Amino acid sequence: MERVDFSDFKKEALKDPEVREEYEKLKPIYELRKQLIELRSKAGLTQEEVADRLHTKKSNISRLESANSKSSPRLSTIKEYAHALGYELKIDFIHKDQE
C-alpha cells in the first residue's frame, strides 16, 4: 500500500469547503505556535531554559508551544515569552482583501 504524501493529502482535504473553513479558523494559532518554537530554536534554548527565564514550569512552555493544546495563550504570556527570548511583540492587522 502506497503511503500518501502529507502535502498531497492537505491539498485534497482543503478542496472540501468545510475543511477549508476550519483550517482557516485554526491557521493563526498554529502559525503563532510555530513561530514561538522557531524563536526559541534560533535562541538556542530548551523549553526548560525558557521556563527558568519566565519563572514557570517546562510543562507550561510545552503547552504554550503545542499544536494540540486546547487552551489559547494570553497576549501577556506571548509578550513575556518574546521578551525572554530578546524580542518585542508586534501585532499587525491585514485587511482580508490583502491576503
PDB file of N, CA and C in Angstrom:
ATOM      1  N   MET A   1       0.834  -1.177   0.000  1.00  0.00           N
ATOM      2  CA  MET A   1       0.000   0.000   0.000  1.00  0.00           C
ATOM      3  C   MET A   1       0.883   1.246   0.000  1.00  0.00           C
ATOM      4  N   GLU A   2       0.600   2.152  -0.904  1.00  0.00           N
ATOM      5  CA  GLU A   2       1.409   3.363  -1.043  1.00  0.00           C
ATOM      6  C   GLU A   2       1.017   4.380   0.024  1.00  0.00           C
ATOM      7  N   ARG A   3       2.011   4.987   0.602  1.00  0.00           N
ATOM      8  CA  ARG A   3       1.791   5.993   1.630  1.00  0.00           C
ATOM      9  C   ARG A   3       1.518   7.339   0.971  1.00  0.00           C
ATOM     10  N   VAL A   4       0.495   8.056   1.451  1.00  0.00           N
ATOM     11  CA  VAL A   4       0.107   9.342   0.888  1.00  0.00           C
ATOM     12  C   VAL A   4       1.014  10.434   1.447  1.00  0.00           C
ATOM     13  N   ASP A   5       1.516  11.277   0.583  1.00  0.00           N
ATOM     14  CA  ASP A   5       2.332  12.414   0.973  1.00  0.00           C
ATOM     15  C   ASP A   5       1.437  13.439   1.679  1.00  0.00           C
ATOM     16  N   PHE A   6       1.931  14.025   2.770  1.00  0.00           N
ATOM     17  CA  PHE A   6       1.115  14.963   3.547  1.00  0.00           C
ATOM     18  C   PHE A   6       0.659  16.155   2.718  1.00  0.00           C
ATOM     19  N   SER A   7       1.532  16.726   1.908  1.00  0.00           N
ATOM     20  CA  SER A   7       1.142  17.897   1.111  1.00  0.00           C
ATOM     21  C   SER A   7       0.037  17.546   0.119  1.00  0.00           C
ATOM     22  N   ASP A   8       0.092  16.344  -0.435  1.00  0.00           N
ATOM     23  CA  ASP A   8      -0.975  15.895  -1.333  1.00  0.00           C
ATOM     24  C   ASP A   8      -2.281  15.703  -0.560  1.00  0.00           C
ATOM     25  N   PHE A   9      -2.170  15.109   0.604  1.00  0.00           N
ATOM     26  CA  PHE A   9      -3.346  14.907   1.456  1.00  0.00           C
ATOM     27  C   PHE A   9      -3.981  16.247   1.814  1.00  0.00           C
ATOM     28  N   LYS A  10      -3.140  17.209   2.184  1.00  0.00           N
ATOM     29  CA  LYS A  10      -3.631  18.536   2.572  1.00  0.00           C
ATOM     30  C   LYS A  10      -4.336  19.212   1.401  1.00  0.00           C
ATOM     31  N   LYS A  11      -3.733  19.187   0.230  1.00  0.00           N
ATOM     32  CA  LYS A  11      -4.359  19.789  -0.962  1.00  0.00           C
ATOM     33  C   LYS A  11      -5.733  19.189  -1.210  1.00  0.00           C
ATOM     34  N   GLU A  12      -5.809  17.882  -1.122  1.00  0.00           N
ATOM     35  CA  GLU A  12      -7.077  17.186  -1.373  1.00  0.00           C
ATOM     36  C   GLU A  12      -8.110  17.547  -0.294  1.00  0.00           C
ATOM     37  N   ALA A  13      -7.689  17.538   0.944  1.00  0.00           N
ATOM     38  CA  ALA A  13      -8.605  17.844   2.049  1.00  0.00           C
ATOM     39  C   ALA A  13      -9.139  19.268   1.962  1.00  0.00           C
ATOM     40  N   LEU A  14      -8.292  20.212   1.568  1.00  0.00           N
ATOM     41  CA  LEU A  14      -8.704  21.618   1.512  1.00  0.00           C
ATOM     42  C   LEU A  14      -9.657  21.919   0.360  1.00  0.00           C
ATOM     43  N   LYS A  15      -9.883  20.954  -0.492  1.00  0.00           N
ATOM     44  CA  LYS A  15     -10.892  21.129  -1.544  1.00  0.00           C
ATOM     45  C   LYS A  15     -12.303  21.118  -0.954  1.00  0.00           C
ATOM     46  N   ASP A  16     -12.458  20.492   0.203  1.00  0.00           N
ATOM     47  CA  ASP A  16     -13.744  20.446   0.900  1.00  0.00           C
ATOM     48  C   ASP A  16     -13.951  21.789   1.606  1.00  0.00           C
ATOM     49  N   PRO A  17     -15.033  22.527   1.274  1.00  0.00           N
ATOM     50  CA  PRO A  17     -15.261  23.858   1.861  1.00  0.00           C
ATOM     51  C   PRO A  17     -15.319  23.861   3.391  1.00  0.00           C
ATOM     52  N   GLU A  18     -15.890  22.832   3.991  1.00  0.00           N
ATOM     53  CA  GLU A  18     -15.972  22.775   5.452  1.00  0.00           C
ATOM     54  C   GLU A  18     -14.592  22.594   6.071  1.00  0.00           C
ATOM     55  N   VAL A  19     -13.791  21.736   5.477  1.00  0.00           N
ATOM     56  CA  VAL A  19     -12.433  21.517   5.966  1.00  0.00           C
ATOM     57  C   VAL A  19     -11.620  22.791   5.807  1.00  0.00           C
ATOM     58  N   ARG A  20     -11.750  23.443   4.659  1.00  0.00           N
ATOM     59  CA  ARG A  20     -11.015  24.685   4.393  1.00  0.00           C
ATOM     60  C   ARG A  20     -11.400  25.774   5.396  1.00  0.00           C
ATOM     61  N   GLU A  21     -12.681  25.902   5.695  1.00  0.00           N
ATOM     62  CA  GLU A  21     -13.150  26.908   6.654  1.00  0.00           C
ATOM     63  C   GLU A  21     -12.547  26.663   8.037  1.00  0.00           C
ATOM     64  N   GLU A  22     -12.567  25.418   8.479  1.00  0.00           N
ATOM     65  CA  GLU A  22     -11.999  25.089   9.794  1.00  0.00           C
ATOM     66  C   GLU A  22     -10.486  25.305   9.801  1.00  0.00           C
ATOM     67  N   TYR A  23      -9.831  24.943   8.717  1.00  0.00           N
ATOM     68  CA  TYR A  23      -8.386  25.149   8.577  1.00  0.00           C
ATOM     69  C   TYR A  23      -8.056  26.634   8.712  1.00  0.00           C
ATOM     70  N   GLU A  24      -8.811  27.475   8.047  1.00  0.00           N
ATOM     71  CA  GLU A  24      -8.566  28.920   8.094  1.00  0.00           C
ATOM     72  C   GLU A  24      -8.801  29.486   9.490  1.00  0.00           C
ATOM     73  N   LYS A  25      -9.754  28.924  10.220  1.00  0.00           N
ATOM     74  CA  LYS A  25     -10.003  29.370  11.599  1.00  0.00           C
ATOM     75  C   LYS A  25      -8.816  29.041  12.510  1.00  0.00           C
ATOM     76  N   LEU A  26      -8.244  27.863  12.303  1.00  0.00           N
ATOM     77  CA  LEU A  26      -7.165  27.389  13.179  1.00  0.00           C
ATOM     78  C   LEU A  26      -5.778  27.871  12.756  1.00  0.00           C
ATOM     79  N   LYS A  27      -5.652  28.311  11.538  1.00  0.00           N
ATOM     80  CA  LYS A  27      -4.349  28.675  10.971  1.00  0.00           C
ATOM     81  C   LYS A  27      -3.561  29.688  11.813  1.00  0.00           C
ATOM     82  N   PRO A  28      -4.177  30.786  12.295  1.00  0.00           N
ATOM     83  CA  PRO A  28      -3.386  31.760  13.061  1.00  0.00           C
ATOM     84  C   PRO A  28      -2.746  31.194  14.328  1.00  0.00           C
ATOM     85  N   ILE A  29      -3.467  30.349  15.061  1.00  0.00           N
ATOM     86  CA  ILE A  29      -2.888  29.815  16.293  1.00  0.00           C
ATOM     87  C   ILE A  29      -1.778  28.819  15.996  1.00  0.00           C
ATOM     88  N   TYR A  30      -1.923  28.037  14.925  1.00  0.00           N
ATOM     89  CA  TYR A  30      -0.850  27.121  14.537  1.00  0.00           C
ATOM     90  C   TYR A  30       0.385  27.898  14.085  1.00  0.00           C
ATOM     91  N   GLU A  31       0.177  28.963  13.351  1.00  0.00           N
ATOM     92  CA  GLU A  31       1.301  29.779  12.895  1.00  0.00           C
ATOM     93  C   GLU A  31       1.998  30.455  14.075  1.00  0.00           C
ATOM     94  N   LEU A  32       1.218  30.923  15.047  1.00  0.00           N
ATOM     95  CA  LEU A  32       1.808  31.528  16.240  1.00  0.00           C
ATOM     96  C   LEU A  32       2.685  30.516  16.967  1.00  0.00           C
ATOM     97  N   ARG A  33       2.159  29.340  17.188  1.00  0.00           N
ATOM     98  CA  ARG A  33       2.927  28.326  17.919  1.00  0.00           C
ATOM     99  C   ARG A  33       4.180  27.921  17.155  1.00  0.00           C
ATOM    100  N   LYS A  34       4.071  27.852  15.844  1.00  0.00           N
ATOM    101  CA  LYS A  34       5.238  27.543  15.018  1.00  0.00           C
ATOM    102  C   LYS A  34       6.305  28.629  15.180  1.00  0.00           C
ATOM    103  N   GLN A  35       5.875  29.886  15.201  1.00  0.00           N
ATOM    104  CA  GLN A  35       6.818  30.995  15.381  1.00  0.00           C
ATOM    105  C   GLN A  35       7.484  30.943  16.748  1.00  0.00           C
ATOM    106  N   LEU A  36       6.725  30.623  17.786  1.00  0.00           N
ATOM    107  CA  LEU A  36       7.303  30.542  19.128  1.00  0.00           C
ATOM    108  C   LEU A  36       8.425  29.504  19.158  1.00  0.00           C
ATOM    109  N   ILE A  37       8.178  28.361  18.566  1.00  0.00           N
ATOM    110  CA  ILE A  37       9.185  27.301  18.535  1.00  0.00           C
ATOM    111  C   ILE A  37      10.402  27.745  17.730  1.00  0.00           C
ATOM    112  N   GLU A  38      10.177  28.402  16.595  1.00  0.00           N
ATOM    113  CA  GLU A  38      11.292  28.881  15.773  1.00  0.00           C
ATOM    114  C   GLU A  38      12.137  29.909  16.524  1.00  0.00           C
ATOM    115  N   LEU A  39      11.490  30.824  17.230  1.00  0.00           N
ATOM    116  CA  LEU A  39      12.238  31.831  18.002  1.00  0.00           C
ATOM    117  C   LEU A  39      13.093  31.173  19.080  1.00  0.00           C
ATOM    118  N   ARG A  40      12.499  30.205  19.779  1.00  0.00           N
ATOM    119  CA  ARG A  40      13.245  29.514  20.834  1.00  0.00           C
ATOM    120  C   ARG A  40      14.421  28.749  20.236  1.00  0.00           C
ATOM    121  N   SER A  41      14.194  28.099  19.111  1.00  0.00           N
ATOM    122  CA  SER A  41      15.270  27.349  18.455  1.00  0.00           C
ATOM    123  C   SER A  41      16.398  28.275  18.011  1.00  0.00           C
ATOM    124  N   LYS A  42      16.037  29.415  17.415  1.00  0.00           N
ATOM    125  CA  LYS A  42      17.052  30.390  16.993  1.00  0.00           C
ATOM    126  C   LYS A  42      17.873  30.889  18.175  1.00  0.00           C
ATOM    127  N   ALA A  43      17.205  31.022  19.321  1.00  0.00           N
ATOM    128  CA  ALA A  43      17.899  31.485  20.524  1.00  0.00           C
ATOM    129  C   ALA A  43      18.756  30.378  21.136  1.00  0.00           C
ATOM    130  N   GLY A  44      18.605  29.150  20.635  1.00  0.00           N
ATOM    131  CA  GLY A  44      19.389  28.030  21.150  1.00  0.00           C
ATOM    132  C   GLY A  44      18.983  27.605  22.544  1.00  0.00           C
ATOM    133  N   LEU A  45      17.703  27.786  22.866  1.00  0.00           N
ATOM    134  CA  LEU A  45      17.226  27.475  24.210  1.00  0.00           C
ATOM    135  C   LEU A  45      16.300  26.268  24.200  1.00  0.00           C
ATOM    136  N   THR A  46      16.311  25.548  25.312  1.00  0.00           N
ATOM    137  CA  THR A  46      15.368  24.450  25.507  1.00  0.00           C
ATOM    138  C   THR A  46      14.099  25.017  26.144  1.00  0.00           C
ATOM    139  N   GLN A  47      13.064  24.222  26.152  1.00  0.00           N
ATOM    140  CA  GLN A  47      11.837  24.638  26.825  1.00  0.00           C
ATOM    141  C   GLN A  47      12.107  24.882  28.311  1.00  0.00           C
ATOM    142  N   GLU A  48      12.940  24.052  28.889  1.00  0.00           N
ATOM    143  CA  GLU A  48      13.275  24.199  30.306  1.00  0.00           C
ATOM    144  C   GLU A  48      13.995  25.524  30.579  1.00  0.00           C
ATOM    145  N   GLU A  49      14.894  25.917  29.693  1.00  0.00           N
ATOM    146  CA  GLU A  49      15.616  27.184  29.868  1.00  0.00           C
ATOM    147  C   GLU A  49      14.677  28.383  29.738  1.00  0.00           C
ATOM    148  N   VAL A  50      13.733  28.303  28.812  1.00  0.00           N
ATOM    149  CA  VAL A  50      12.748  29.380  28.681  1.00  0.00           C
ATOM    150  C   VAL A  50      11.874  29.422  29.937  1.00  0.00           C
ATOM    151  N   ALA A  51      11.483  28.261  30.424  1.00  0.00           N
ATOM    152  CA  ALA A  51      10.677  28.187  31.648  1.00  0.00           C
ATOM    153  C   ALA A  51      11.411  28.840  32.818  1.00  0.00           C
ATOM    154  N   ASP A  52      12.717  28.578  32.939  1.00  0.00           N
ATOM    155  CA  ASP A  52      13.508  29.189  34.008  1.00  0.00           C
ATOM    156  C   ASP A  52      13.498  30.715  33.891  1.00  0.00           C
ATOM    157  N   ARG A  53      13.643  31.211  32.664  1.00  0.00           N
ATOM    158  CA  ARG A  53      13.632  32.659  32.451  1.00  0.00           C
ATOM    159  C   ARG A  53      12.280  33.281  32.803  1.00  0.00           C
ATOM    160  N   LEU A  54      11.216  32.511  32.622  1.00  0.00           N
ATOM    161  CA  LEU A  54       9.871  33.016  32.888  1.00  0.00           C
ATOM    162  C   LEU A  54       9.361  32.630  34.277  1.00  0.00           C
ATOM    163  N   HIS A  55      10.222  31.967  35.041  1.00  0.00           N
ATOM    164  CA  HIS A  55       9.854  31.526  36.394  1.00  0.00           C
ATOM    165  C   HIS A  55       8.582  30.679  36.377  1.00  0.00           C
ATOM    166  N   THR A  56       8.593  29.703  35.494  1.00  0.00           N
ATOM    167  CA  THR A  56       7.454  28.798  35.366  1.00  0.00           C
ATOM    168  C   THR A  56       7.970  27.388  35.142  1.00  0.00           C
ATOM    169  N   LYS A  57       7.078  26.464  34.873  1.00  0.00           N
ATOM    170  CA  LYS A  57       7.447  25.072  34.654  1.00  0.00           C
ATOM    171  C   LYS A  57       7.599  24.787  33.161  1.00  0.00           C
ATOM    172  N   LYS A  58       8.439  23.800  32.853  1.00  0.00           N
ATOM    173  CA  LYS A  58       8.633  23.372  31.468  1.00  0.00           C
ATOM    174  C   LYS A  58       7.312  22.940  30.847  1.00  0.00           C
ATOM    175  N   SER A  59       6.452  22.312  31.620  1.00  0.00           N
ATOM    176  CA  SER A  59       5.166  21.842  31.089  1.00  0.00           C
ATOM    177  C   SER A  59       4.317  23.003  30.574  1.00  0.00           C
ATOM    178  N   ASN A  60       4.447  24.182  31.182  1.00  0.00           N
ATOM    179  CA  ASN A  60       3.708  25.353  30.701  1.00  0.00           C
ATOM    180  C   ASN A  60       4.227  25.820  29.354  1.00  0.00           C
ATOM    181  N   ILE A  61       5.546  25.755  29.168  1.00  0.00           N
ATOM    182  CA  ILE A  61       6.134  26.136  27.882  1.00  0.00           C
ATOM    183  C   ILE A  61       5.748  25.114  26.825  1.00  0.00           C
ATOM    184  N   SER A  62       5.782  23.851  27.185  1.00  0.00           N
ATOM    185  CA  SER A  62       5.388  22.789  26.272  1.00  0.00           C
ATOM    186  C   SER A  62       3.939  22.975  25.817  1.00  0.00           C
ATOM    187  N   ARG A  63       3.056  23.289  26.748  1.00  0.00           N
ATOM    188  CA  ARG A  63       1.655  23.509  26.422  1.00  0.00           C
ATOM    189  C   ARG A  63       1.486  24.740  25.531  1.00  0.00           C
ATOM    190  N   LEU A  64       2.235  25.785  25.813  1.00  0.00           N
ATOM    191  CA  LEU A  64       2.178  27.016  25.023  1.00  0.00           C
ATOM    192  C   LEU A  64       2.572  26.752  23.572  1.00  0.00           C
ATOM    193  N   GLU A  65       3.577  25.922  23.369  1.00  0.00           N
ATOM    194  CA  GLU A  65       4.091  25.632  22.029  1.00  0.00           C
ATOM    195  C   GLU A  65       3.337  24.504  21.314  1.00  0.00           C
ATOM    196  N   SER A  66       2.525  23.775  22.021  1.00  0.00           N
ATOM    197  CA  SER A  66       1.884  22.584  21.464  1.00  0.00           C
ATOM    198  C   SER A  66       0.722  22.910  20.529  1.00  0.00           C
ATOM    199  N   ALA A  67       0.758  22.306  19.351  1.00  0.00           N
ATOM    200  CA  ALA A  67      -0.333  22.461  18.381  1.00  0.00           C
ATOM    201  C   ALA A  67      -1.593  21.756  18.872  1.00  0.00           C
ATOM    202  N   ASN A  68      -1.442  20.830  19.789  1.00  0.00           N
ATOM    203  CA  ASN A  68      -2.587  20.069  20.290  1.00  0.00           C
ATOM    204  C   ASN A  68      -3.209  20.657  21.545  1.00  0.00           C
ATOM    205  N   SER A  69      -2.663  21.774  22.026  1.00  0.00           N
ATOM    206  CA  SER A  69      -3.187  22.391  23.231  1.00  0.00           C
ATOM    207  C   SER A  69      -4.593  22.922  22.984  1.00  0.00           C
ATOM    208  N   LYS A  70      -5.462  22.683  23.939  1.00  0.00           N
ATOM    209  CA  LYS A  70      -6.855  23.148  23.832  1.00  0.00           C
ATOM    210  C   LYS A  70      -7.007  24.587  24.306  1.00  0.00           C
ATOM    211  N   SER A  71      -6.009  25.087  25.015  1.00  0.00           N
ATOM    212  CA  SER A  71      -6.102  26.452  25.545  1.00  0.00           C
ATOM    213  C   SER A  71      -5.401  27.437  24.614  1.00  0.00           C
ATOM    214  N   SER A  72      -5.950  28.621  24.565  1.00  0.00           N
ATOM    215  CA  SER A  72      -5.330  29.688  23.779  1.00  0.00           C
ATOM    216  C   SER A  72      -4.468  30.532  24.708  1.00  0.00           C
ATOM    217  N   PRO A  73      -3.244  30.827  24.284  1.00  0.00           N
ATOM    218  CA  PRO A  73      -2.365  31.612  25.160  1.00  0.00           C
ATOM    219  C   PRO A  73      -2.847  33.048  25.299  1.00  0.00           C
ATOM    220  N   ARG A  74      -2.616  33.617  26.463  1.00  0.00           N
ATOM    221  CA  ARG A  74      -2.960  35.014  26.706  1.00  0.00           C
ATOM    222  C   ARG A  74      -1.918  35.892  26.024  1.00  0.00           C
ATOM    223  N   LEU A  75      -2.336  37.056  25.622  1.00  0.00           N
ATOM    224  CA  LEU A  75      -1.433  38.007  24.981  1.00  0.00           C
ATOM    225  C   LEU A  75      -0.266  38.341  25.904  1.00  0.00           C
ATOM    226  N   SER A  76      -0.543  38.497  27.182  1.00  0.00           N
ATOM    227  CA  SER A  76       0.522  38.813  28.142  1.00  0.00           C
ATOM    228  C   SER A  76       1.556  37.689  28.215  1.00  0.00           C
ATOM    229  N   THR A  77       1.117  36.448  28.075  1.00  0.00           N
ATOM    230  CA  THR A  77       2.030  35.307  28.098  1.00  0.00           C
ATOM    231  C   THR A  77       2.931  35.315  26.859  1.00  0.00           C
ATOM    232  N   ILE A  78       2.339  35.593  25.711  1.00  0.00           N
ATOM    233  CA  ILE A  78       3.117  35.649  24.469  1.00  0.00           C
ATOM    234  C   ILE A  78       4.141  36.779  24.553  1.00  0.00           C
ATOM    235  N   LYS A  79       3.734  37.894  25.119  1.00  0.00           N
ATOM    236  CA  LYS A  79       4.636  39.046  25.270  1.00  0.00           C
ATOM    237  C   LYS A  79       5.811  38.686  26.187  1.00  0.00           C
ATOM    238  N   GLU A  80       5.540  38.034  27.306  1.00  0.00           N
ATOM    239  CA  GLU A  80       6.594  37.625  28.236  1.00  0.00           C
ATOM    240  C   GLU A  80       7.538  36.614  27.586  1.00  0.00           C
ATOM    241  N   TYR A  81       6.979  35.690  26.833  1.00  0.00           N
ATOM    242  CA  TYR A  81       7.779  34.685  26.125  1.00  0.00           C
ATOM    243  C   TYR A  81       8.719  35.393  25.160  1.00  0.00           C
ATOM    244  N   ALA A  82       8.192  36.314  24.375  1.00  0.00           N
ATOM    245  CA  ALA A  82       9.013  37.064  23.409  1.00  0.00           C
ATOM    246  C   ALA A  82      10.145  37.803  24.123  1.00  0.00           C
ATOM    247  N   HIS A  83       9.828  38.475  25.212  1.00  0.00           N
ATOM    248  CA  HIS A  83      10.848  39.226  25.962  1.00  0.00           C
ATOM    249  C   HIS A  83      11.933  38.308  26.507  1.00  0.00           C
ATOM    250  N   ALA A  84      11.527  37.118  26.961  1.00  0.00           N
ATOM    251  CA  ALA A  84      12.507  36.159  27.499  1.00  0.00           C
ATOM    252  C   ALA A  84      13.505  35.719  26.439  1.00  0.00           C
ATOM    253  N   LEU A  85      13.105  35.827  25.167  1.00  0.00           N
ATOM    254  CA  LEU A  85      13.981  35.437  24.067  1.00  0.00           C
ATOM    255  C   LEU A  85      14.650  36.630  23.403  1.00  0.00           C
ATOM    256  N   GLY A  86      14.403  37.820  23.959  1.00  0.00           N
ATOM    257  CA  GLY A  86      15.042  39.014  23.423  1.00  0.00           C
ATOM    258  C   GLY A  86      14.272  39.699  22.310  1.00  0.00           C
ATOM    259  N   TYR A  87      12.978  39.448  22.222  1.00  0.00           N
ATOM    260  CA  TYR A  87      12.147  40.034  21.176  1.00  0.00           C
ATOM    261  C   TYR A  87      11.075  40.942  21.767  1.00  0.00           C
ATOM    262  N   GLU A  88      10.590  41.839  20.949  1.00  0.00           N
ATOM    263  CA  GLU A  88       9.413  42.635  21.257  1.00  0.00           C
ATOM    264  C   GLU A  88       8.253  42.031  20.478  1.00  0.00           C
ATOM    265  N   LEU A  89       7.069  42.089  21.033  1.00  0.00           N
ATOM    266  CA  LEU A  89       5.889  41.581  20.348  1.00  0.00           C
ATOM    267  C   LEU A  89       5.278  42.700  19.518  1.00  0.00           C
ATOM    268  N   LYS A  90       4.969  42.391  18.278  1.00  0.00           N
ATOM    269  CA  LYS A  90       4.318  43.346  17.382  1.00  0.00           C
ATOM    270  C   LYS A  90       3.086  42.662  16.809  1.00  0.00           C
ATOM    271  N   ILE A  91       1.957  43.328  16.898  1.00  0.00           N
ATOM    272  CA  ILE A  91       0.718  42.786  16.335  1.00  0.00           C
ATOM    273  C   ILE A  91       0.345  43.650  15.147  1.00  0.00           C
ATOM    274  N   ASP A  92      -0.026  42.984  14.072  1.00  0.00           N
ATOM    275  CA  ASP A  92      -0.347  43.695  12.844  1.00  0.00           C
ATOM    276  C   ASP A  92      -1.688  43.198  12.328  1.00  0.00           C
ATOM    277  N   PHE A  93      -2.434  44.094  11.720  1.00  0.00           N
ATOM    278  CA  PHE A  93      -3.707  43.734  11.117  1.00  0.00           C
ATOM    279  C   PHE A  93      -3.595  43.887   9.608  1.00  0.00           C
ATOM    280  N   ILE A  94      -4.090  42.879   8.911  1.00  0.00           N
ATOM    281  CA  ILE A  94      -4.061  42.894   7.446  1.00  0.00           C
ATOM    282  C   ILE A  94      -5.494  42.748   6.957  1.00  0.00           C
ATOM    283  N   HIS A  95      -5.907  43.655   6.123  1.00  0.00           N
ATOM    284  CA  HIS A  95      -7.256  43.582   5.579  1.00  0.00           C
ATOM    285  C   HIS A  95      -7.429  42.283   4.797  1.00  0.00           C
ATOM    286  N   LYS A  96      -8.591  41.671   4.898  1.00  0.00           N
ATOM    287  CA  LYS A  96      -8.844  40.379   4.243  1.00  0.00           C
ATOM    288  C   LYS A  96      -8.549  40.428   2.745  1.00  0.00           C
ATOM    289  N   ASP A  97      -8.804  41.559   2.120  1.00  0.00           N
ATOM    290  CA  ASP A  97      -8.577  41.683   0.678  1.00  0.00           C
ATOM    291  C   ASP A  97      -7.101  41.668   0.315  1.00  0.00           C
ATOM    292  N   GLN A  98      -6.192  41.852   1.286  1.00  0.00           N
ATOM    293  CA  GLN A  98      -4.762  41.924   1.011  1.00  0.00           C
ATOM    294  C   GLN A  98      -4.051  40.602   1.277  1.00  0.00           C
ATOM    295  N   GLU A  99      -4.761  39.590   1.664  1.00  0.00           N
ATOM    296  CA  GLU A  99      -4.122  38.302   1.975  1.00  0.00           C
ATOM    297  C   GLU A  99      -3.576  37.636   0.757  1.00  0.00           C
TER     298      GLU A  99
END
